[in-house]
Structure formats: C-alpha cells, structure tokens
Amino acid sequence: MDPFSILLTLTLIILAQNAVRIVGKSQIHQSIWNLYLRYSNDQQILKLRNLKAESYDVYKQRSNTSAQDEYAKWTKLNRKYDQLQTEIKAVSDQVSQQQQAIEKYLGLAISVTTTLPLWLFRFKYRKQPLFYFPKDTFPSYLEWILSFPSVPQGSIGIMFWILLLNKFVSNLEFIVKTFSTKVEKPVPIVKVEDLSPK
C-alpha cells in the first residue's frame, strides 16, 4: 500500500473513531434502536405497539366516561386498562432484554470497526515511512522522536501520525466547543450608595 493511501485510510478511521467518541456510543445505540423499533417486524415489538395503541384507546374511552353516571362501564374500562398496563409491562421487559442484547453486539461491532483497523495498520505498516522531511529540517533528536519507533530517521511513521491526528481532532473539538457555547452577559454590580438620592 502506498503512503498516501495509508495516510488517507488512517485519517478516515481516526475521524470515524473520534466521531463515535464525540457523539457517544449510547446516542448511537439509541438512534439505531429507535430505527429498529420503527422498521422491525419482530413479533414482540409489534405486540407491544398494538398493546400501547389499544391501551390509549381504552384510556380515551375511560376519560370520556363519567364514573358517577356510568359506573359499570367505567369500572369495566378501568379493569381493562389495568390489565393492558400489566401486559405492556411484561412485553416491555422482554423487549428491554432484546434491546440490551442488541446494544451489546452493536457496541462490540463499533469497537471492533474503530480500533481493530488501527491496530492492524500499526502492526503491518510500522516500518513504512509515510513521508520524509528535507535533510536537517529538525535537530537529530527531534527527527528521532518523529520517526519513533521503527521508521528511518528523517521521516514520520504511522505511530506519530496517529498521535498527531488524534491531537488535531481533540484540539479542533475544543475550539468548536469553546466558540459554540453561549456566555452569559455579565450584569454590572450596583453599589448601594449609588442608589441613594443626592
């Protein structure tokens, strides 16, 4: 693989890794779970959806029925509503277990896709220089640090490139957060003697 392809691939992987970190795994899990709930044909999810719709209809009927004037009808609706709530809780517990299993595998998939390629690149291309500096650009000790651990002196290797990219993304995130947060306008402090009549 040529150095430019390595640089580009590493940059994309590190940007994806930092995007996951910034957005948060829990937010990604929740978004994917919401999509799964919306478009899934799973029987438990469909049953839960139907039970909630039926429960809402019974609730509306019960709310429109006077407990004093139509006591028998109201009691029947109330019992049905309580029964539906019990069923909803039981099905929700099953769906919650399913959600935990999906989130477990999803978290594993995210971790593997964002960290494994970096480790493979570190191992496979650790001795390949990504680019060279002109001779005597930096002092020899700095060139040695930039080429650490195993590329020729005067070049930048994969380890240092990953370090630089991560630092760049974290600094960029800091700058964006700093300038995007709204700062309250300070309120001037008024002294008590300034309020007294003259």
C-alpha atoms as a PDB file:
ATOM      1  CA  MET A   1       0.000   0.000   0.000  1.00  0.00           C
ATOM      2  CA  ASP A   2       1.436   3.370  -0.935  1.00  0.00           C
ATOM      3  CA  PRO A   3       1.982   6.021   1.790  1.00  0.00           C
ATOM      4  CA  PHE A   4      -0.790   8.318   0.529  1.00  0.00           C
ATOM      5  CA  SER A   5      -3.371   5.508   0.770  1.00  0.00           C
ATOM      6  CA  ILE A   6      -2.188   4.711   4.280  1.00  0.00           C
ATOM      7  CA  LEU A   7      -2.453   8.382   5.298  1.00  0.00           C
ATOM      8  CA  LEU A   8      -5.929   8.719   3.825  1.00  0.00           C
ATOM      9  CA  THR A   9      -7.226   5.469   5.310  1.00  0.00           C
ATOM     10  CA  LEU A  10      -5.804   6.269   8.738  1.00  0.00           C
ATOM     11  CA  THR A  11      -7.286   9.752   8.632  1.00  0.00           C
ATOM     12  CA  LEU A  12     -10.744   8.378   7.825  1.00  0.00           C
ATOM     13  CA  ILE A  13     -10.522   5.711  10.536  1.00  0.00           C
ATOM     14  CA  ILE A  14      -9.398   8.210  13.171  1.00  0.00           C
ATOM     15  CA  LEU A  15     -12.098  10.695  12.169  1.00  0.00           C
ATOM     16  CA  ALA A  16     -14.705   7.921  12.471  1.00  0.00           C
ATOM     17  CA  GLN A  17     -13.294   6.865  15.832  1.00  0.00           C
ATOM     18  CA  ASN A  18     -13.406  10.418  17.164  1.00  0.00           C
ATOM     19  CA  ALA A  19     -16.890  10.978  15.738  1.00  0.00           C
ATOM     20  CA  VAL A  20     -18.085   7.947  17.714  1.00  0.00           C
ATOM     21  CA  ARG A  21     -16.361   9.322  20.812  1.00  0.00           C
ATOM     22  CA  ILE A  22     -17.826  12.820  20.395  1.00  0.00           C
ATOM     23  CA  VAL A  23     -21.364  11.680  19.597  1.00  0.00           C
ATOM     24  CA  GLY A  24     -21.233   8.932  22.199  1.00  0.00           C
ATOM     25  CA  LYS A  25     -21.896   5.229  21.898  1.00  0.00           C
ATOM     26  CA  SER A  26     -25.094   5.490  23.915  1.00  0.00           C
ATOM     27  CA  GLN A  27     -26.507   8.063  21.487  1.00  0.00           C
ATOM     28  CA  ILE A  28     -25.621   5.825  18.535  1.00  0.00           C
ATOM     29  CA  HIS A  29     -27.172   2.817  20.286  1.00  0.00           C
ATOM     30  CA  GLN A  30     -30.363   4.753  20.986  1.00  0.00           C
ATOM     31  CA  SER A  31     -30.650   6.027  17.405  1.00  0.00           C
ATOM     32  CA  ILE A  32     -30.186   2.557  15.931  1.00  0.00           C
ATOM     33  CA  TRP A  33     -32.619   1.081  18.468  1.00  0.00           C
ATOM     34  CA  ASN A  34     -35.248   3.678  17.520  1.00  0.00           C
ATOM     35  CA  LEU A  35     -34.793   2.772  13.847  1.00  0.00           C
ATOM     36  CA  TYR A  36     -35.082  -0.903  14.746  1.00  0.00           C
ATOM     37  CA  LEU A  37     -38.302  -0.259  16.676  1.00  0.00           C
ATOM     38  CA  ARG A  38     -39.790   1.706  13.801  1.00  0.00           C
ATOM     39  CA  TYR A  39     -38.999  -0.731  10.990  1.00  0.00           C
ATOM     40  CA  SER A  40     -38.799  -4.105  12.747  1.00  0.00           C
ATOM     41  CA  ASN A  41     -41.219  -6.953  12.082  1.00  0.00           C
ATOM     42  CA  ASP A  42     -40.374  -8.660  15.367  1.00  0.00           C
ATOM     43  CA  GLN A  43     -43.479 -10.165  16.980  1.00  0.00           C
ATOM     44  CA  GLN A  44     -42.765  -8.800  20.473  1.00  0.00           C
ATOM     45  CA  ILE A  45     -42.312  -5.261  19.170  1.00  0.00           C
ATOM     46  CA  LEU A  46     -45.474  -5.463  17.062  1.00  0.00           C
ATOM     47  CA  LYS A  47     -47.369  -6.847  20.063  1.00  0.00           C
ATOM     48  CA  LEU A  48     -46.068  -4.010  22.262  1.00  0.00           C
ATOM     49  CA  ARG A  49     -47.055  -1.427  19.664  1.00  0.00           C
ATOM     50  CA  ASN A  50     -50.588  -2.904  19.397  1.00  0.00           C
ATOM     51  CA  LEU A  51     -50.989  -3.119  23.179  1.00  0.00           C
ATOM     52  CA  LYS A  52     -49.976   0.526  23.585  1.00  0.00           C
ATOM     53  CA  ALA A  53     -52.425   1.622  20.895  1.00  0.00           C
ATOM     54  CA  GLU A  54     -55.232  -0.389  22.489  1.00  0.00           C
ATOM     55  CA  SER A  55     -54.326   0.957  25.928  1.00  0.00           C
ATOM     56  CA  TYR A  56     -54.501   4.510  24.609  1.00  0.00           C
ATOM     57  CA  ASP A  57     -57.942   3.865  23.083  1.00  0.00           C
ATOM     58  CA  VAL A  58     -59.239   2.396  26.354  1.00  0.00           C
ATOM     59  CA  TYR A  59     -57.766   5.351  28.258  1.00  0.00           C
ATOM     60  CA  LYS A  60     -59.574   7.815  25.977  1.00  0.00           C
ATOM     61  CA  GLN A  61     -62.860   5.906  26.355  1.00  0.00           C
ATOM     62  CA  ARG A  62     -62.450   5.787  30.122  1.00  0.00           C
ATOM     63  CA  SER A  63     -61.676   9.521  30.242  1.00  0.00           C
ATOM     64  CA  ASN A  64     -64.815  10.286  28.235  1.00  0.00           C
ATOM     65  CA  THR A  65     -66.971   8.122  30.506  1.00  0.00           C
ATOM     66  CA  SER A  66     -68.362   9.590  33.707  1.00  0.00           C
ATOM     67  CA  ALA A  67     -67.519   7.440  36.737  1.00  0.00           C
ATOM     68  CA  GLN A  68     -70.672   8.609  38.523  1.00  0.00           C
ATOM     69  CA  ASP A  69     -73.192   8.304  35.686  1.00  0.00           C
ATOM     70  CA  GLU A  70     -71.915   5.136  34.000  1.00  0.00           C
ATOM     71  CA  TYR A  71     -70.145   3.374  36.842  1.00  0.00           C
ATOM     72  CA  ALA A  72     -70.341  -0.166  35.397  1.00  0.00           C
ATOM     73  CA  LYS A  73     -68.903   0.884  32.030  1.00  0.00           C
ATOM     74  CA  TRP A  74     -66.188   2.985  33.690  1.00  0.00           C
ATOM     75  CA  THR A  75     -65.187   0.091  36.014  1.00  0.00           C
ATOM     76  CA  LYS A  76     -65.024  -2.329  33.094  1.00  0.00           C
ATOM     77  CA  LEU A  77     -62.817   0.093  31.128  1.00  0.00           C
ATOM     78  CA  ASN A  78     -60.638   0.697  34.184  1.00  0.00           C
ATOM     79  CA  ARG A  79     -60.093  -3.059  34.687  1.00  0.00           C
ATOM     80  CA  LYS A  80     -59.274  -3.489  31.011  1.00  0.00           C
ATOM     81  CA  TYR A  81     -56.837  -0.566  31.173  1.00  0.00           C
ATOM     82  CA  ASP A  82     -55.080  -2.055  34.233  1.00  0.00           C
ATOM     83  CA  GLN A  83     -54.878  -5.449  32.514  1.00  0.00           C
ATOM     84  CA  LEU A  84     -53.377  -3.845  29.396  1.00  0.00           C
ATOM     85  CA  GLN A  85     -50.822  -1.967  31.510  1.00  0.00           C
ATOM     86  CA  THR A  86     -49.746  -5.264  33.117  1.00  0.00           C
ATOM     87  CA  GLU A  87     -49.366  -6.886  29.685  1.00  0.00           C
ATOM     88  CA  ILE A  88     -47.461  -3.855  28.393  1.00  0.00           C
ATOM     89  CA  LYS A  89     -45.035  -4.095  31.320  1.00  0.00           C
ATOM     90  CA  ALA A  90     -44.410  -7.813  30.687  1.00  0.00           C
ATOM     91  CA  VAL A  91     -43.827  -7.328  26.954  1.00  0.00           C
ATOM     92  CA  SER A  92     -41.705  -4.215  27.620  1.00  0.00           C
ATOM     93  CA  ASP A  93     -39.430  -6.278  29.870  1.00  0.00           C
ATOM     94  CA  GLN A  94     -38.926  -8.819  27.078  1.00  0.00           C
ATOM     95  CA  VAL A  95     -38.245  -6.054  24.543  1.00  0.00           C
ATOM     96  CA  SER A  96     -35.829  -4.436  27.016  1.00  0.00           C
ATOM     97  CA  GLN A  97     -33.846  -7.687  27.239  1.00  0.00           C
ATOM     98  CA  GLN A  98     -33.764  -7.797  23.447  1.00  0.00           C
ATOM     99  CA  GLN A  99     -32.538  -4.175  23.411  1.00  0.00           C
ATOM    100  CA  GLN A 100     -29.715  -4.984  25.829  1.00  0.00           C
ATOM    101  CA  ALA A 101     -28.581  -7.897  23.656  1.00  0.00           C
ATOM    102  CA  ILE A 102     -28.636  -5.754  20.506  1.00  0.00           C
ATOM    103  CA  GLU A 103     -26.738  -2.929  22.244  1.00  0.00           C
ATOM    104  CA  LYS A 104     -24.116  -5.401  23.451  1.00  0.00           C
ATOM    105  CA  TYR A 105     -23.426  -6.654  19.918  1.00  0.00           C
ATOM    106  CA  LEU A 106     -23.663  -3.154  18.489  1.00  0.00           C
ATOM    107  CA  GLY A 107     -21.108  -1.843  20.997  1.00  0.00           C
ATOM    108  CA  LEU A 108     -18.796  -4.719  20.142  1.00  0.00           C
ATOM    109  CA  ALA A 109     -19.193  -4.019  16.410  1.00  0.00           C
ATOM    110  CA  ILE A 110     -18.441  -0.311  16.889  1.00  0.00           C
ATOM    111  CA  SER A 111     -15.376  -1.061  19.000  1.00  0.00           C
ATOM    112  CA  VAL A 112     -14.042  -3.624  16.544  1.00  0.00           C
ATOM    113  CA  THR A 113     -14.589  -1.446  13.467  1.00  0.00           C
ATOM    114  CA  THR A 114     -12.947   1.611  15.013  1.00  0.00           C
ATOM    115  CA  THR A 115      -9.993   0.039  16.858  1.00  0.00           C
ATOM    116  CA  LEU A 116      -9.043  -3.166  15.045  1.00  0.00           C
ATOM    117  CA  PRO A 117      -8.068  -1.450  11.760  1.00  0.00           C
ATOM    118  CA  LEU A 118      -5.764   0.917  13.659  1.00  0.00           C
ATOM    119  CA  TRP A 119      -4.012  -1.979  15.377  1.00  0.00           C
ATOM    120  CA  LEU A 120      -3.657  -3.834  12.087  1.00  0.00           C
ATOM    121  CA  PHE A 121      -2.194  -0.737  10.426  1.00  0.00           C
ATOM    122  CA  ARG A 122       0.187  -0.211  13.357  1.00  0.00           C
ATOM    123  CA  PHE A 123       1.404  -3.768  13.076  1.00  0.00           C
ATOM    124  CA  LYS A 124       1.584  -4.105   9.297  1.00  0.00           C
ATOM    125  CA  TYR A 125       2.975  -0.672   8.361  1.00  0.00           C
ATOM    126  CA  ARG A 126       5.023   0.165  11.450  1.00  0.00           C
ATOM    127  CA  LYS A 127       8.286   0.203   9.458  1.00  0.00           C
ATOM    128  CA  GLN A 128       6.984   2.089   6.432  1.00  0.00           C
ATOM    129  CA  PRO A 129       7.662   5.850   6.375  1.00  0.00           C
ATOM    130  CA  LEU A 130       4.629   7.918   5.441  1.00  0.00           C
ATOM    131  CA  PHE A 131       6.591  10.967   4.306  1.00  0.00           C
ATOM    132  CA  TYR A 132      10.077  12.439   4.629  1.00  0.00           C
ATOM    133  CA  PHE A 133      11.379  15.807   5.781  1.00  0.00           C
ATOM    134  CA  PRO A 134      14.169  17.575   3.908  1.00  0.00           C
ATOM    135  CA  LYS A 135      17.541  16.844   5.462  1.00  0.00           C
ATOM    136  CA  ASP A 136      18.415  18.929   8.551  1.00  0.00           C
ATOM    137  CA  THR A 137      14.906  20.377   8.875  1.00  0.00           C
ATOM    138  CA  PHE A 138      14.811  19.475  12.564  1.00  0.00           C
ATOM    139  CA  PRO A 139      17.531  18.641  15.097  1.00  0.00           C
ATOM    140  CA  SER A 140      18.508  14.971  15.068  1.00  0.00           C
ATOM    141  CA  TYR A 141      16.874  14.185  18.429  1.00  0.00           C
ATOM    142  CA  LEU A 142      13.547  15.609  17.166  1.00  0.00           C
ATOM    143  CA  GLU A 143      13.841  13.628  13.934  1.00  0.00           C
ATOM    144  CA  TRP A 144      14.402  10.516  16.040  1.00  0.00           C
ATOM    145  CA  ILE A 145      11.231  11.236  18.074  1.00  0.00           C
ATOM    146  CA  LEU A 146       9.189  11.835  14.918  1.00  0.00           C
ATOM    147  CA  SER A 147      10.380   8.574  13.399  1.00  0.00           C
ATOM    148  CA  PHE A 148       9.838   6.551  16.585  1.00  0.00           C
ATOM    149  CA  PRO A 149       9.580   3.516  16.889  1.00  0.00           C
ATOM    150  CA  SER A 150      10.868   1.921  13.700  1.00  0.00           C
ATOM    151  CA  VAL A 151      10.899   4.126  10.579  1.00  0.00           C
ATOM    152  CA  PRO A 152      14.109   5.681   9.217  1.00  0.00           C
ATOM    153  CA  GLN A 153      15.226   8.907  10.843  1.00  0.00           C
ATOM    154  CA  GLY A 154      14.025  12.000   8.975  1.00  0.00           C
ATOM    155  CA  SER A 155      10.575  10.567   8.247  1.00  0.00           C
ATOM    156  CA  ILE A 156       7.244  10.293  10.020  1.00  0.00           C
ATOM    157  CA  GLY A 157       5.854   6.877  10.834  1.00  0.00           C
ATOM    158  CA  ILE A 158       2.390   5.597  11.482  1.00  0.00           C
ATOM    159  CA  MET A 159       2.543   5.895  15.279  1.00  0.00           C
ATOM    160  CA  PHE A 160       3.377   9.582  15.244  1.00  0.00           C
ATOM    161  CA  TRP A 161       0.808  10.253  12.501  1.00  0.00           C
ATOM    162  CA  ILE A 162      -1.940   8.663  14.624  1.00  0.00           C
ATOM    163  CA  LEU A 163      -0.820  10.748  17.611  1.00  0.00           C
ATOM    164  CA  LEU A 164      -0.876  13.950  15.529  1.00  0.00           C
ATOM    165  CA  LEU A 165      -4.311  13.236  14.078  1.00  0.00           C
ATOM    166  CA  ASN A 166      -5.840  12.478  17.467  1.00  0.00           C
ATOM    167  CA  LYS A 167      -4.339  15.656  18.924  1.00  0.00           C
ATOM    168  CA  PHE A 168      -5.591  17.705  15.969  1.00  0.00           C
ATOM    169  CA  VAL A 169      -9.142  16.360  16.291  1.00  0.00           C
ATOM    170  CA  SER A 170      -9.244  16.910  20.070  1.00  0.00           C
ATOM    171  CA  ASN A 171      -7.962  20.493  19.672  1.00  0.00           C
ATOM    172  CA  LEU A 172     -10.498  21.143  16.923  1.00  0.00           C
ATOM    173  CA  GLU A 173     -13.256  19.785  19.159  1.00  0.00           C
ATOM    174  CA  PHE A 174     -12.085  22.060  21.997  1.00  0.00           C
ATOM    175  CA  ILE A 175     -12.114  25.130  19.721  1.00  0.00           C
ATOM    176  CA  VAL A 176     -15.588  24.354  18.392  1.00  0.00           C
ATOM    177  CA  LYS A 177     -16.965  23.788  21.901  1.00  0.00           C
ATOM    178  CA  THR A 178     -15.314  26.965  23.173  1.00  0.00           C
ATOM    179  CA  PHE A 179     -16.772  29.190  20.485  1.00  0.00           C
ATOM    180  CA  SER A 180     -20.164  27.487  20.309  1.00  0.00           C
ATOM    181  CA  THR A 181     -21.065  27.795  23.999  1.00  0.00           C
ATOM    182  CA  LYS A 182     -23.089  30.861  24.774  1.00  0.00           C
ATOM    183  CA  VAL A 183     -21.632  33.004  27.524  1.00  0.00           C
ATOM    184  CA  GLU A 184     -23.993  34.983  29.707  1.00  0.00           C
ATOM    185  CA  LYS A 185     -23.585  38.727  29.522  1.00  0.00           C
ATOM    186  CA  PRO A 186     -22.200  39.950  32.847  1.00  0.00           C
ATOM    187  CA  VAL A 187     -24.543  42.035  34.949  1.00  0.00           C
ATOM    188  CA  PRO A 188     -22.939  45.197  36.330  1.00  0.00           C
ATOM    189  CA  ILE A 189     -22.714  45.315  40.101  1.00  0.00           C
ATOM    190  CA  VAL A 190     -24.554  48.301  41.521  1.00  0.00           C
ATOM    191  CA  LYS A 191     -23.294  49.693  44.819  1.00  0.00           C
ATOM    192  CA  VAL A 192     -25.834  50.585  47.469  1.00  0.00           C
ATOM    193  CA  GLU A 193     -24.593  54.156  47.848  1.00  0.00           C
ATOM    194  CA  ASP A 194     -25.126  54.720  44.090  1.00  0.00           C
ATOM    195  CA  LEU A 195     -28.870  54.234  44.653  1.00  0.00           C
ATOM    196  CA  SER A 196     -29.206  56.811  47.421  1.00  0.00           C
ATOM    197  CA  PRO A 197     -30.726  60.188  46.437  1.00  0.00           C
ATOM    198  CA  LYS A 198     -28.305  63.066  46.110  1.00  0.00           C
END
